[in-house]
């Protein structure tokens, strides 16, 4: 049992290593170096993380059914993805509102960092491409790994739903370690909810859609617009 646990932990660290190390160098890259940030992101997500994921599959750490990618009833899965997106946006707005109230009441500013600001000189199509790329890489790769592959590994230890949710969510929060407490809260809330849905339904496509659209909304500033211009916070 101990050997099996150590084996699983080792595999989880290998799967998560690119993003666990990612935030060590990001603070060193000047904020205005947008192109350099994107190139590094492509190298991390597209090549390093993608290669590890592919090699793990070839080594039979998991099978395709473990990832929950099924195209039966695809339109229904898209619909559920849209519903999950709306819920995620509403919850994120609530989190940001609570953050504003907390900071006003206590005077304590909660750190929240974003390493991929768009270039202010970009045209609309450039910003749209930038936002879509960032949302796609997170929405696809993070879900395949931190819900699909990670939970399939954790099942080698236990099939207990609470254990699977907590353990996979802990790792999901850990890969956002340098982004600040608000990002930790969001990663914990959404990571646990999406992990629970994945475990219960065995379907990853609706969650991938929700993750992609939620990150796209964040990058485009939808939540900030609603909070500041509509809710007047």
Protein backbone atom coordinates (compact mmCIF):
# COMPACT_ATOMS: atom_id res chain seq x y z
CA UNK A 1 0.00 0.00 0.00
CA UNK A 2 2.79 2.44 0.94
CA UNK A 3 4.72 1.62 -2.24
CA UNK A 4 1.57 2.18 -4.31
CA UNK A 5 0.92 5.54 -2.62
CA UNK A 6 4.49 6.68 -3.25
CA UNK A 7 4.18 5.59 -6.88
CA UNK A 8 0.99 7.61 -7.31
CA UNK A 9 2.47 10.68 -5.60
CA UNK A 10 5.50 10.46 -7.87
CA UNK A 11 3.30 10.31 -10.95
CA UNK A 12 1.22 13.26 -9.75
CA UNK A 13 4.36 15.34 -9.25
CA UNK A 14 5.57 14.45 -12.74
CA UNK A 15 2.21 15.41 -14.28
CA UNK A 16 2.07 18.69 -12.34
CA UNK A 17 5.76 19.62 -12.56
CA UNK A 18 5.54 22.08 -15.50
CA UNK A 19 2.90 24.23 -13.82
CA UNK A 20 4.36 23.85 -10.33
CA UNK A 21 7.64 25.29 -11.67
CA UNK A 22 5.91 27.72 -14.02
CA UNK A 23 5.36 30.43 -11.40
CA UNK A 24 9.02 30.52 -10.36
CA UNK A 25 10.08 32.28 -13.55
CA UNK A 26 6.90 34.25 -14.35
CA UNK A 27 7.52 36.94 -11.67
CA UNK A 28 10.96 37.52 -13.26
CA UNK A 29 9.52 38.35 -16.69
CA UNK A 30 8.75 42.08 -17.09
CA UNK A 31 5.02 42.76 -17.38
CA UNK A 32 5.51 44.65 -20.65
CA UNK A 33 7.20 41.60 -22.25
CA UNK A 34 3.92 40.20 -23.52
CA UNK A 35 5.45 38.28 -26.44
CA UNK A 36 8.05 36.65 -24.19
CA UNK A 37 5.33 35.62 -21.73
CA UNK A 38 3.32 34.02 -24.52
CA UNK A 39 6.34 32.22 -25.98
CA UNK A 40 7.19 30.81 -22.55
CA UNK A 41 3.56 29.80 -22.07
CA UNK A 42 3.54 27.95 -25.39
CA UNK A 43 6.75 26.14 -24.45
CA UNK A 44 5.34 25.18 -21.03
CA UNK A 45 1.80 24.22 -22.05
CA UNK A 46 2.25 23.12 -25.63
CA UNK A 47 5.56 21.30 -25.47
CA UNK A 48 6.60 20.45 -21.92
CA UNK A 49 3.17 19.80 -20.38
CA UNK A 50 1.85 18.26 -23.60
CA UNK A 51 4.85 15.94 -23.91
CA UNK A 52 4.53 14.73 -20.32
CA UNK A 53 0.83 14.08 -20.82
CA UNK A 54 1.48 12.14 -24.05
CA UNK A 55 4.32 10.10 -22.55
CA UNK A 56 2.19 9.30 -19.49
CA UNK A 57 -0.53 8.01 -21.81
CA UNK A 58 1.97 5.93 -23.81
CA UNK A 59 3.29 4.53 -20.51
CA UNK A 60 -0.31 3.45 -19.75
CA UNK A 61 -0.66 5.59 -16.62
CA UNK A 62 -4.23 6.12 -17.81
CA UNK A 63 -6.48 5.14 -20.71
CA UNK A 64 -8.64 7.37 -22.90
CA UNK A 65 -11.86 6.36 -21.07
CA UNK A 66 -10.25 7.62 -17.84
CA UNK A 67 -10.29 11.12 -19.32
CA UNK A 68 -14.07 11.22 -19.73
CA UNK A 69 -14.04 12.34 -23.37
CA UNK A 70 -17.25 11.03 -24.94
CA UNK A 71 -19.00 12.53 -27.96
CA UNK A 72 -22.34 10.79 -27.47
CA UNK A 73 -25.07 13.37 -26.70
CA UNK A 74 -22.53 16.08 -27.58
CA UNK A 75 -25.10 18.88 -27.84
CA UNK A 76 -26.39 18.01 -24.39
CA UNK A 77 -22.85 18.19 -23.02
CA UNK A 78 -22.42 21.62 -24.62
CA UNK A 79 -25.63 22.79 -22.97
CA UNK A 80 -24.42 21.64 -19.58
CA UNK A 81 -21.11 23.35 -20.24
CA UNK A 82 -22.92 26.65 -20.82
CA UNK A 83 -24.94 26.23 -17.63
CA UNK A 84 -21.75 25.53 -15.66
CA UNK A 85 -20.16 28.63 -17.20
CA UNK A 86 -22.99 30.87 -15.99
CA UNK A 87 -22.72 29.37 -12.49
CA UNK A 88 -18.94 29.85 -12.49
CA UNK A 89 -19.21 33.51 -13.52
CA UNK A 90 -21.86 34.18 -10.85
CA UNK A 91 -19.76 32.51 -8.16
CA UNK A 92 -16.65 34.42 -9.22
CA UNK A 93 -18.58 37.70 -9.01
CA UNK A 94 -19.67 36.76 -5.48
CA UNK A 95 -16.06 36.00 -4.54
CA UNK A 96 -14.86 39.36 -5.91
CA UNK A 97 -17.66 41.24 -4.13
CA UNK A 98 -16.76 39.52 -0.84
CA UNK A 99 -13.13 40.46 -1.49
CA UNK A 100 -14.07 44.15 -1.94
CA UNK A 101 -16.19 44.15 1.22
CA UNK A 102 -13.44 42.41 3.21
CA UNK A 103 -10.78 44.87 2.05
CA UNK A 104 -13.00 47.87 2.81
CA UNK A 105 -13.83 46.59 6.28
CA UNK A 106 -10.34 45.46 7.29
CA UNK A 107 -7.99 47.56 5.20
CA UNK A 108 -6.16 44.37 4.22
CA UNK A 109 -5.48 44.10 0.49
CA UNK A 110 -5.64 40.52 -0.78
CA UNK A 111 -2.97 39.73 -3.37
CA UNK A 112 -4.17 38.71 -6.81
CA UNK A 113 -1.67 38.48 -9.69
CA UNK A 114 -2.17 38.08 -13.43
CA UNK A 115 0.95 37.34 -15.46
CA UNK A 116 -0.48 37.64 -18.95
CA UNK A 117 -1.73 41.20 -19.49
CA UNK A 118 -2.56 42.03 -23.12
CA UNK A 119 -0.48 44.60 -24.98
CA UNK A 120 -2.41 47.93 -24.89
CA UNK A 121 -1.38 48.55 -28.52
CA UNK A 122 -2.98 45.37 -29.82
CA UNK A 123 -5.87 45.44 -32.23
CA UNK A 124 -9.14 43.73 -31.34
CA UNK A 125 -8.30 40.54 -33.27
CA UNK A 126 -4.93 40.28 -31.51
CA UNK A 127 -6.53 40.60 -28.09
CA UNK A 128 -9.23 38.07 -29.06
CA UNK A 129 -6.56 35.59 -30.19
CA UNK A 130 -4.58 36.18 -26.98
CA UNK A 131 -7.61 35.66 -24.74
CA UNK A 132 -8.80 32.60 -26.65
CA UNK A 133 -5.37 30.96 -26.53
CA UNK A 134 -5.02 31.46 -22.75
CA UNK A 135 -8.54 30.14 -22.14
CA UNK A 136 -8.08 27.12 -24.41
CA UNK A 137 -4.78 26.00 -22.91
CA UNK A 138 -6.20 26.12 -19.39
CA UNK A 139 -9.63 24.79 -20.32
CA UNK A 140 -8.28 21.78 -22.21
CA UNK A 141 -4.90 20.91 -20.72
CA UNK A 142 -5.71 21.59 -17.06
CA UNK A 143 -8.91 19.59 -17.25
CA UNK A 144 -7.29 16.64 -19.00
CA UNK A 145 -4.57 16.54 -16.34
CA UNK A 146 -6.06 17.75 -13.04
CA UNK A 147 -9.44 16.11 -13.45
CA UNK A 148 -8.89 13.26 -15.93
CA UNK A 149 -5.35 11.98 -15.42
CA UNK A 150 -4.94 12.98 -11.77
CA UNK A 151 -8.21 11.44 -10.59
CA UNK A 152 -7.44 8.25 -12.53
CA UNK A 153 -4.16 8.02 -10.58
CA UNK A 154 -5.78 8.79 -7.23
CA UNK A 155 -8.26 5.95 -7.82
CA UNK A 156 -5.31 3.57 -7.50
CA UNK A 157 -5.29 4.55 -3.82
CA UNK A 158 -8.99 4.96 -3.08
CA UNK A 159 -12.35 5.40 -4.85
CA UNK A 160 -13.74 7.48 -2.00
CA UNK A 161 -15.34 10.56 -3.56
CA UNK A 162 -14.31 12.94 -0.77
CA UNK A 163 -10.69 11.79 -1.00
CA UNK A 164 -10.64 12.17 -4.79
CA UNK A 165 -12.16 15.65 -4.65
CA UNK A 166 -9.88 16.94 -1.87
CA UNK A 167 -6.66 15.44 -3.25
CA UNK A 168 -7.22 16.55 -6.86
CA UNK A 169 -8.32 20.02 -5.74
CA UNK A 170 -5.26 20.41 -3.52
CA UNK A 171 -3.01 19.77 -6.51
CA UNK A 172 -5.10 22.12 -8.67
CA UNK A 173 -4.69 24.90 -6.09
CA UNK A 174 -0.97 24.13 -5.78
CA UNK A 175 -0.27 24.85 -9.46
CA UNK A 176 -1.65 28.38 -8.87
CA UNK A 177 0.58 28.91 -5.82
CA UNK A 178 2.02 32.30 -6.80
CA UNK A 179 -1.18 33.94 -8.05
CA UNK A 180 -2.54 35.08 -4.69
CA UNK A 181 -5.24 34.15 -2.22
CA UNK A 182 -8.21 35.08 -4.42
CA UNK A 183 -6.97 32.75 -7.15
CA UNK A 184 -6.49 30.05 -4.51
CA UNK A 185 -10.10 30.47 -3.39
CA UNK A 186 -11.37 30.33 -6.98
CA UNK A 187 -9.23 27.28 -7.78
CA UNK A 188 -10.47 25.53 -4.62
CA UNK A 189 -14.14 26.30 -5.25
CA UNK A 190 -14.18 25.47 -8.96
CA UNK A 191 -11.64 22.65 -8.71
CA UNK A 192 -13.66 20.81 -6.07
CA UNK A 193 -16.99 21.36 -7.84
CA UNK A 194 -15.65 20.27 -11.23
CA UNK A 195 -13.88 17.27 -9.69
CA UNK A 196 -17.12 16.17 -8.01
CA UNK A 197 -19.07 16.54 -11.28
CA UNK A 198 -16.43 14.60 -13.19
CA UNK A 199 -16.42 11.77 -10.64
CA UNK A 200 -20.21 11.52 -10.64
CA UNK A 201 -20.85 11.90 -14.37
CA UNK A 202 -17.64 10.57 -15.93
CA UNK A 203 -17.91 13.35 -18.51
CA UNK A 204 -15.18 15.96 -18.97
CA UNK A 205 -16.37 17.89 -22.04
CA UNK A 206 -18.97 20.05 -20.17
CA UNK A 207 -16.33 20.95 -17.59
CA UNK A 208 -13.77 21.77 -20.29
CA UNK A 209 -16.29 24.07 -21.97
CA UNK A 210 -17.08 25.79 -18.66
CA UNK A 211 -13.39 26.18 -17.78
CA UNK A 212 -12.59 27.60 -21.22
CA UNK A 213 -15.48 30.09 -21.27
CA UNK A 214 -14.91 31.11 -17.66
CA UNK A 215 -11.23 31.88 -18.28
CA UNK A 216 -12.20 33.70 -21.48
CA UNK A 217 -14.65 35.84 -19.50
CA UNK A 218 -11.97 36.60 -16.89
CA UNK A 219 -9.40 37.58 -19.53
CA UNK A 220 -11.95 39.86 -21.22
CA UNK A 221 -12.83 41.49 -17.90
CA UNK A 222 -16.50 40.47 -17.83
CA UNK A 223 -16.62 40.07 -14.06
CA UNK A 224 -14.93 43.43 -13.45
CA UNK A 225 -17.41 45.10 -15.80
CA UNK A 226 -20.40 43.58 -13.99
CA UNK A 227 -19.03 44.44 -10.54
CA UNK A 228 -17.95 48.02 -11.28
CA UNK A 229 -20.38 49.19 -13.98
CA UNK A 230 -23.53 47.25 -13.16
CA UNK A 231 -23.35 46.46 -9.45
CA UNK A 232 -21.42 49.72 -8.76
CA UNK A 233 -18.99 48.14 -6.26
